[in-house]
Amino acid sequence: MVFSSMVFLGIFFPAVLLTYYLCPQKGKNILLVAFSLLFYAWGEP
């Protein structure tokens, strides 16, 4: 997945933003690590 793909812009990025702002303060770093691992795993399975 690249940053300019429609999957990233239409699904992945809005999902990350939505869950980031709904997540409590303590879990935000863990959430970003999980989404970044998903992002990199999607590109290189």
N, C-alpha and C. Protein backbone atom coordinates (compact mmCIF):
# COMPACT_ATOMS: atom_id res chain seq x y z
N MET A 1 0.85 -1.16 0.00
CA MET A 1 0.00 0.00 0.00
C MET A 1 0.90 1.23 0.00
N VAL A 2 0.60 2.16 -0.86
CA VAL A 2 1.34 3.42 -0.90
C VAL A 2 0.45 4.55 -0.39
N PHE A 3 1.07 5.65 -0.03
CA PHE A 3 0.32 6.76 0.56
C PHE A 3 -0.68 7.40 -0.41
N SER A 4 -0.46 7.25 -1.69
CA SER A 4 -1.36 7.88 -2.66
C SER A 4 -2.42 6.92 -3.19
N SER A 5 -2.48 5.70 -2.69
CA SER A 5 -3.48 4.75 -3.18
C SER A 5 -4.86 5.08 -2.60
N MET A 6 -5.87 4.69 -3.30
CA MET A 6 -7.24 4.97 -2.86
C MET A 6 -7.60 4.15 -1.61
N VAL A 7 -7.01 2.97 -1.46
CA VAL A 7 -7.27 2.17 -0.26
C VAL A 7 -6.73 2.90 0.97
N PHE A 8 -5.54 3.48 0.84
CA PHE A 8 -4.97 4.22 1.97
C PHE A 8 -5.78 5.47 2.26
N LEU A 9 -6.04 6.27 1.23
CA LEU A 9 -6.72 7.55 1.44
C LEU A 9 -8.20 7.39 1.80
N GLY A 10 -8.84 6.36 1.29
CA GLY A 10 -10.28 6.22 1.51
C GLY A 10 -10.67 5.36 2.69
N ILE A 11 -9.79 4.40 3.07
CA ILE A 11 -10.16 3.46 4.13
C ILE A 11 -9.18 3.49 5.29
N PHE A 12 -7.91 3.27 4.99
CA PHE A 12 -6.93 3.10 6.07
C PHE A 12 -6.71 4.37 6.87
N PHE A 13 -6.42 5.48 6.20
CA PHE A 13 -6.14 6.74 6.89
C PHE A 13 -7.33 7.24 7.70
N PRO A 14 -8.56 7.25 7.15
CA PRO A 14 -9.69 7.66 7.99
C PRO A 14 -9.93 6.73 9.18
N ALA A 15 -9.68 5.43 9.00
CA ALA A 15 -9.86 4.49 10.10
C ALA A 15 -8.84 4.76 11.21
N VAL A 16 -7.60 5.06 10.83
CA VAL A 16 -6.58 5.38 11.82
C VAL A 16 -6.95 6.65 12.58
N LEU A 17 -7.34 7.69 11.86
CA LEU A 17 -7.70 8.94 12.52
C LEU A 17 -8.89 8.78 13.45
N LEU A 18 -9.90 8.07 13.00
CA LEU A 18 -11.10 7.88 13.82
C LEU A 18 -10.78 7.12 15.10
N THR A 19 -10.07 6.00 14.97
CA THR A 19 -9.76 5.22 16.16
C THR A 19 -8.76 5.93 17.07
N TYR A 20 -7.86 6.72 16.47
CA TYR A 20 -6.90 7.48 17.29
C TYR A 20 -7.62 8.48 18.19
N TYR A 21 -8.56 9.21 17.64
CA TYR A 21 -9.24 10.23 18.43
C TYR A 21 -10.29 9.65 19.38
N LEU A 22 -10.74 8.43 19.13
CA LEU A 22 -11.69 7.79 20.04
C LEU A 22 -10.98 6.99 21.14
N CYS A 23 -9.71 6.71 20.96
CA CYS A 23 -8.94 5.91 21.90
C CYS A 23 -8.56 6.75 23.13
N PRO A 24 -8.56 6.15 24.31
CA PRO A 24 -8.10 6.90 25.49
C PRO A 24 -6.61 7.22 25.38
N GLN A 25 -6.16 8.16 26.16
CA GLN A 25 -4.79 8.68 26.07
C GLN A 25 -3.73 7.59 26.24
N LYS A 26 -3.96 6.64 27.13
CA LYS A 26 -2.97 5.60 27.40
C LYS A 26 -2.76 4.66 26.22
N GLY A 27 -3.75 4.46 25.39
CA GLY A 27 -3.64 3.47 24.33
C GLY A 27 -3.25 4.01 22.97
N LYS A 28 -3.02 5.31 22.86
CA LYS A 28 -2.77 5.91 21.55
C LYS A 28 -1.45 5.44 20.93
N ASN A 29 -0.39 5.30 21.72
CA ASN A 29 0.88 4.83 21.16
C ASN A 29 0.77 3.39 20.69
N ILE A 30 0.12 2.56 21.47
CA ILE A 30 -0.07 1.15 21.09
C ILE A 30 -0.90 1.06 19.82
N LEU A 31 -1.91 1.89 19.72
CA LEU A 31 -2.75 1.91 18.53
C LEU A 31 -1.95 2.29 17.29
N LEU A 32 -1.11 3.31 17.40
CA LEU A 32 -0.29 3.72 16.26
C LEU A 32 0.72 2.65 15.87
N VAL A 33 1.28 1.96 16.84
CA VAL A 33 2.21 0.87 16.53
C VAL A 33 1.47 -0.25 15.81
N ALA A 34 0.28 -0.59 16.26
CA ALA A 34 -0.49 -1.65 15.63
C ALA A 34 -0.87 -1.29 14.19
N PHE A 35 -1.31 -0.05 13.98
CA PHE A 35 -1.67 0.36 12.62
C PHE A 35 -0.44 0.46 11.72
N SER A 36 0.69 0.86 12.26
CA SER A 36 1.89 0.93 11.43
C SER A 36 2.37 -0.46 11.05
N LEU A 37 2.28 -1.42 11.96
CA LEU A 37 2.62 -2.80 11.61
C LEU A 37 1.68 -3.35 10.55
N LEU A 38 0.40 -3.03 10.65
CA LEU A 38 -0.56 -3.45 9.63
C LEU A 38 -0.24 -2.83 8.29
N PHE A 39 0.13 -1.56 8.30
CA PHE A 39 0.47 -0.87 7.06
C PHE A 39 1.67 -1.52 6.38
N TYR A 40 2.73 -1.78 7.14
CA TYR A 40 3.93 -2.38 6.56
C TYR A 40 3.70 -3.83 6.18
N ALA A 41 2.89 -4.56 6.93
CA ALA A 41 2.59 -5.95 6.59
C ALA A 41 1.76 -6.01 5.31
N TRP A 42 0.92 -5.04 5.08
CA TRP A 42 0.10 -5.01 3.88
C TRP A 42 1.01 -4.83 2.64
N GLY A 43 2.02 -4.03 2.76
CA GLY A 43 2.91 -3.77 1.63
C GLY A 43 3.88 -4.91 1.35
N GLU A 44 4.35 -5.57 2.38
CA GLU A 44 5.30 -6.67 2.23
C GLU A 44 4.86 -7.86 3.06
N PRO A 45 3.93 -8.67 2.54
CA PRO A 45 3.44 -9.82 3.33
C PRO A 45 4.48 -10.91 3.49
